Amino acid sequence: DEFEHHFNWQRKRLEREEYLQELQAITDSNPFTKILEEHQDLLAEMKSAPSVVE
């Protein structure tokens, strides 16, 4: 159970990092374009989610 929890957390962290990298790429390539509302909503969800401490 401990392992499964850790594995799930690692996977979520990877997905989050990949998403943030994509978002950064979009922002870098379109510095004067507003980020889509979808992205802002997802980002807000991520920021409001409790961060996991190892």
PDB file of N, CA and C in Angstrom:
ATOM      1  N   ASP A   1       0.847  -1.209   0.000  1.00  0.00           N
ATOM      2  CA  ASP A   1       0.000   0.000   0.000  1.00  0.00           C
ATOM      3  C   ASP A   1       0.877   1.251   0.000  1.00  0.00           C
ATOM      4  N   GLU A   2       1.941   1.204   0.786  1.00  0.00           N
ATOM      5  CA  GLU A   2       2.881   2.315   0.844  1.00  0.00           C
ATOM      6  C   GLU A   2       3.513   2.536  -0.531  1.00  0.00           C
ATOM      7  N   PHE A   3       3.902   1.412  -1.148  1.00  0.00           N
ATOM      8  CA  PHE A   3       4.536   1.487  -2.467  1.00  0.00           C
ATOM      9  C   PHE A   3       3.567   2.034  -3.509  1.00  0.00           C
ATOM     10  N   GLU A   4       2.342   1.542  -3.469  1.00  0.00           N
ATOM     11  CA  GLU A   4       1.344   1.981  -4.441  1.00  0.00           C
ATOM     12  C   GLU A   4       1.086   3.477  -4.301  1.00  0.00           C
ATOM     13  N   HIS A   5       1.007   3.928  -3.071  1.00  0.00           N
ATOM     14  CA  HIS A   5       0.787   5.358  -2.819  1.00  0.00           C
ATOM     15  C   HIS A   5       1.945   6.172  -3.397  1.00  0.00           C
ATOM     16  N   HIS A   6       3.165   5.716  -3.166  1.00  0.00           N
ATOM     17  CA  HIS A   6       4.349   6.421  -3.649  1.00  0.00           C
ATOM     18  C   HIS A   6       4.372   6.426  -5.175  1.00  0.00           C
ATOM     19  N   PHE A   7       4.029   5.267  -5.762  1.00  0.00           N
ATOM     20  CA  PHE A   7       4.020   5.161  -7.217  1.00  0.00           C
ATOM     21  C   PHE A   7       3.011   6.123  -7.821  1.00  0.00           C
ATOM     22  N   ASN A   8       1.809   6.161  -7.261  1.00  0.00           N
ATOM     23  CA  ASN A   8       0.761   7.060  -7.749  1.00  0.00           C
ATOM     24  C   ASN A   8       1.205   8.511  -7.627  1.00  0.00           C
ATOM     25  N   TRP A   9       1.890   8.816  -6.512  1.00  0.00           N
ATOM     26  CA  TRP A   9       2.347  10.198  -6.307  1.00  0.00           C
ATOM     27  C   TRP A   9       3.401  10.571  -7.349  1.00  0.00           C
ATOM     28  N   GLN A  10       4.332   9.634  -7.602  1.00  0.00           N
ATOM     29  CA  GLN A  10       5.376   9.885  -8.600  1.00  0.00           C
ATOM     30  C   GLN A  10       4.750  10.135  -9.971  1.00  0.00           C
ATOM     31  N   ARG A  11       3.745   9.317 -10.316  1.00  0.00           N
ATOM     32  CA  ARG A  11       3.095   9.436 -11.614  1.00  0.00           C
ATOM     33  C   ARG A  11       2.393  10.786 -11.725  1.00  0.00           C
ATOM     34  N   LYS A  12       1.701  11.182 -10.669  1.00  0.00           N
ATOM     35  CA  LYS A  12       1.008  12.472 -10.683  1.00  0.00           C
ATOM     36  C   LYS A  12       2.013  13.614 -10.805  1.00  0.00           C
ATOM     37  N   ARG A  13       3.148  13.461 -10.123  1.00  0.00           N
ATOM     38  CA  ARG A  13       4.155  14.513 -10.178  1.00  0.00           C
ATOM     39  C   ARG A  13       4.717  14.631 -11.593  1.00  0.00           C
ATOM     40  N   LEU A  14       4.957  13.490 -12.238  1.00  0.00           N
ATOM     41  CA  LEU A  14       5.464  13.504 -13.610  1.00  0.00           C
ATOM     42  C   LEU A  14       4.456  14.153 -14.545  1.00  0.00           C
ATOM     43  N   GLU A  15       3.183  13.772 -14.406  1.00  0.00           N
ATOM     44  CA  GLU A  15       2.147  14.353 -15.259  1.00  0.00           C
ATOM     45  C   GLU A  15       2.093  15.857 -15.049  1.00  0.00           C
ATOM     46  N   ARG A  16       2.201  16.270 -13.798  1.00  0.00           N
ATOM     47  CA  ARG A  16       2.154  17.701 -13.495  1.00  0.00           C
ATOM     48  C   ARG A  16       3.361  18.426 -14.113  1.00  0.00           C
ATOM     49  N   GLU A  17       4.550  17.821 -13.971  1.00  0.00           N
ATOM     50  CA  GLU A  17       5.746  18.456 -14.525  1.00  0.00           C
ATOM     51  C   GLU A  17       5.659  18.561 -16.042  1.00  0.00           C
ATOM     52  N   GLU A  18       5.159  17.483 -16.681  1.00  0.00           N
ATOM     53  CA  GLU A  18       5.010  17.504 -18.136  1.00  0.00           C
ATOM     54  C   GLU A  18       4.043  18.608 -18.553  1.00  0.00           C
ATOM     55  N   TYR A  19       2.942  18.719 -17.814  1.00  0.00           N
ATOM     56  CA  TYR A  19       1.953  19.752 -18.131  1.00  0.00           C
ATOM     57  C   TYR A  19       2.559  21.148 -17.970  1.00  0.00           C
ATOM     58  N   LEU A  20       3.291  21.342 -16.880  1.00  0.00           N
ATOM     59  CA  LEU A  20       3.873  22.661 -16.642  1.00  0.00           C
ATOM     60  C   LEU A  20       4.911  23.003 -17.704  1.00  0.00           C
ATOM     61  N   GLN A  21       5.654  21.978 -18.161  1.00  0.00           N
ATOM     62  CA  GLN A  21       6.635  22.214 -19.229  1.00  0.00           C
ATOM     63  C   GLN A  21       5.926  22.623 -20.512  1.00  0.00           C
ATOM     64  N   GLU A  22       4.826  21.927 -20.831  1.00  0.00           N
ATOM     65  CA  GLU A  22       4.044  22.274 -22.020  1.00  0.00           C
ATOM     66  C   GLU A  22       3.528  23.701 -21.906  1.00  0.00           C
ATOM     67  N   LEU A  23       3.002  24.020 -20.737  1.00  0.00           N
ATOM     68  CA  LEU A  23       2.453  25.352 -20.509  1.00  0.00           C
ATOM     69  C   LEU A  23       3.542  26.405 -20.677  1.00  0.00           C
ATOM     70  N   GLN A  24       4.734  26.108 -20.156  1.00  0.00           N
ATOM     71  CA  GLN A  24       5.852  27.036 -20.266  1.00  0.00           C
ATOM     72  C   GLN A  24       6.239  27.237 -21.725  1.00  0.00           C
ATOM     73  N   ALA A  25       6.232  26.142 -22.488  1.00  0.00           N
ATOM     74  CA  ALA A  25       6.578  26.219 -23.912  1.00  0.00           C
ATOM     75  C   ALA A  25       5.572  27.093 -24.654  1.00  0.00           C
ATOM     76  N   ILE A  26       4.294  26.905 -24.321  1.00  0.00           N
ATOM     77  CA  ILE A  26       3.247  27.710 -24.945  1.00  0.00           C
ATOM     78  C   ILE A  26       3.448  29.184 -24.602  1.00  0.00           C
ATOM     79  N   THR A  27       3.733  29.453 -23.339  1.00  0.00           N
ATOM     80  CA  THR A  27       3.924  30.830 -22.893  1.00  0.00           C
ATOM     81  C   THR A  27       5.158  31.448 -23.549  1.00  0.00           C
ATOM     82  N   ASP A  28       6.238  30.657 -23.659  1.00  0.00           N
ATOM     83  CA  ASP A  28       7.476  31.164 -24.257  1.00  0.00           C
ATOM     84  C   ASP A  28       7.298  31.478 -25.739  1.00  0.00           C
ATOM     85  N   SER A  29       6.550  30.619 -26.430  1.00  0.00           N
ATOM     86  CA  SER A  29       6.395  30.820 -27.871  1.00  0.00           C
ATOM     87  C   SER A  29       5.330  31.871 -28.193  1.00  0.00           C
ATOM     88  N   ASN A  30       4.469  32.172 -27.218  1.00  0.00           N
ATOM     89  CA  ASN A  30       3.430  33.195 -27.426  1.00  0.00           C
ATOM     90  C   ASN A  30       3.429  34.183 -26.253  1.00  0.00           C
ATOM     91  N   PRO A  31       4.510  34.939 -26.096  1.00  0.00           N
ATOM     92  CA  PRO A  31       4.635  35.809 -24.924  1.00  0.00           C
ATOM     93  C   PRO A  31       3.545  36.873 -24.832  1.00  0.00           C
ATOM     94  N   PHE A  32       2.948  37.233 -25.962  1.00  0.00           N
ATOM     95  CA  PHE A  32       1.940  38.292 -25.925  1.00  0.00           C
ATOM     96  C   PHE A  32       0.518  37.755 -26.042  1.00  0.00           C
ATOM     97  N   THR A  33       0.420  36.416 -25.996  1.00  0.00           N
ATOM     98  CA  THR A  33      -0.896  35.794 -26.106  1.00  0.00           C
ATOM     99  C   THR A  33      -1.365  35.361 -24.727  1.00  0.00           C
ATOM    100  N   LYS A  34      -2.603  35.674 -24.417  1.00  0.00           N
ATOM    101  CA  LYS A  34      -3.138  35.234 -23.125  1.00  0.00           C
ATOM    102  C   LYS A  34      -3.282  33.713 -23.124  1.00  0.00           C
ATOM    103  N   ILE A  35      -2.949  33.110 -21.994  1.00  0.00           N
ATOM    104  CA  ILE A  35      -3.091  31.661 -21.880  1.00  0.00           C
ATOM    105  C   ILE A  35      -4.574  31.304 -21.848  1.00  0.00           C
ATOM    106  N   LEU A  36      -4.895  30.197 -22.494  1.00  0.00           N
ATOM    107  CA  LEU A  36      -6.294  29.762 -22.536  1.00  0.00           C
ATOM    108  C   LEU A  36      -6.872  29.613 -21.142  1.00  0.00           C
ATOM    109  N   GLU A  37      -8.146  29.894 -21.015  1.00  0.00           N
ATOM    110  CA  GLU A  37      -8.813  29.788 -19.722  1.00  0.00           C
ATOM    111  C   GLU A  37      -8.688  28.380 -19.146  1.00  0.00           C
ATOM    112  N   GLU A  38      -8.728  27.400 -20.011  1.00  0.00           N
ATOM    113  CA  GLU A  38      -8.575  26.001 -19.568  1.00  0.00           C
ATOM    114  C   GLU A  38      -7.283  25.830 -18.786  1.00  0.00           C
ATOM    115  N   HIS A  39      -6.215  26.371 -19.338  1.00  0.00           N
ATOM    116  CA  HIS A  39      -4.912  26.246 -18.694  1.00  0.00           C
ATOM    117  C   HIS A  39      -4.900  26.976 -17.353  1.00  0.00           C
ATOM    118  N   GLN A  40      -5.524  28.138 -17.335  1.00  0.00           N
ATOM    119  CA  GLN A  40      -5.568  28.905 -16.090  1.00  0.00           C
ATOM    120  C   GLN A  40      -6.336  28.131 -15.023  1.00  0.00           C
ATOM    121  N   ASP A  41      -7.434  27.488 -15.435  1.00  0.00           N
ATOM    122  CA  ASP A  41      -8.230  26.706 -14.492  1.00  0.00           C
ATOM    123  C   ASP A  41      -7.423  25.542 -13.941  1.00  0.00           C
ATOM    124  N   LEU A  42      -6.728  24.833 -14.838  1.00  0.00           N
ATOM    125  CA  LEU A  42      -5.922  23.690 -14.406  1.00  0.00           C
ATOM    126  C   LEU A  42      -4.807  24.138 -13.470  1.00  0.00           C
ATOM    127  N   LEU A  43      -4.183  25.250 -13.834  1.00  0.00           N
ATOM    128  CA  LEU A  43      -3.098  25.772 -13.019  1.00  0.00           C
ATOM    129  C   LEU A  43      -3.606  26.154 -11.629  1.00  0.00           C
ATOM    130  N   ALA A  44      -4.787  26.762 -11.586  1.00  0.00           N
ATOM    131  CA  ALA A  44      -5.380  27.146 -10.310  1.00  0.00           C
ATOM    132  C   ALA A  44      -5.667  25.913  -9.459  1.00  0.00           C
ATOM    133  N   GLU A  45      -6.147  24.856 -10.113  1.00  0.00           N
ATOM    134  CA  GLU A  45      -6.415  23.607  -9.393  1.00  0.00           C
ATOM    135  C   GLU A  45      -5.131  23.053  -8.803  1.00  0.00           C
ATOM    136  N   MET A  46      -4.061  23.097  -9.588  1.00  0.00           N
ATOM    137  CA  MET A  46      -2.778  22.576  -9.122  1.00  0.00           C
ATOM    138  C   MET A  46      -2.258  23.381  -7.934  1.00  0.00           C
ATOM    139  N   LYS A  47      -2.392  24.681  -8.027  1.00  0.00           N
ATOM    140  CA  LYS A  47      -1.885  25.533  -6.956  1.00  0.00           C
ATOM    141  C   LYS A  47      -2.701  25.369  -5.675  1.00  0.00           C
ATOM    142  N   SER A  48      -4.002  25.095  -5.824  1.00  0.00           N
ATOM    143  CA  SER A  48      -4.845  24.964  -4.643  1.00  0.00           C
ATOM    144  C   SER A  48      -4.762  23.565  -4.039  1.00  0.00           C
ATOM    145  N   ALA A  49      -4.235  22.616  -4.832  1.00  0.00           N
ATOM    146  CA  ALA A  49      -4.095  21.252  -4.307  1.00  0.00           C
ATOM    147  C   ALA A  49      -2.977  21.227  -3.270  1.00  0.00           C
ATOM    148  N   PRO A  50      -3.172  20.462  -2.203  1.00  0.00           N
ATOM    149  CA  PRO A  50      -2.124  20.372  -1.170  1.00  0.00           C
ATOM    150  C   PRO A  50      -0.871  19.728  -1.745  1.00  0.00           C
ATOM    151  N   SER A  51       0.272  20.317  -1.494  1.00  0.00           N
ATOM    152  CA  SER A  51       1.515  19.747  -2.022  1.00  0.00           C
ATOM    153  C   SER A  51       1.977  18.596  -1.133  1.00  0.00           C
ATOM    154  N   VAL A  52       2.525  17.575  -1.767  1.00  0.00           N
ATOM    155  CA  VAL A  52       2.967  16.391  -1.025  1.00  0.00           C
ATOM    156  C   VAL A  52       4.427  16.560  -0.644  1.00  0.00           C
ATOM    157  N   VAL A  53       4.721  16.328   0.624  1.00  0.00           N
ATOM    158  CA  VAL A  53       6.104  16.445   1.095  1.00  0.00           C
ATOM    159  C   VAL A  53       6.678  15.048   1.250  1.00  0.00           C
ATOM    160  N   GLU A  54       7.862  14.836   0.676  1.00  0.00           N
ATOM    161  CA  GLU A  54       8.489  13.516   0.778  1.00  0.00           C
ATOM    162  C   GLU A  54       8.988  13.285   2.193  1.00  0.00           C
TER     163      GLU A  54
END
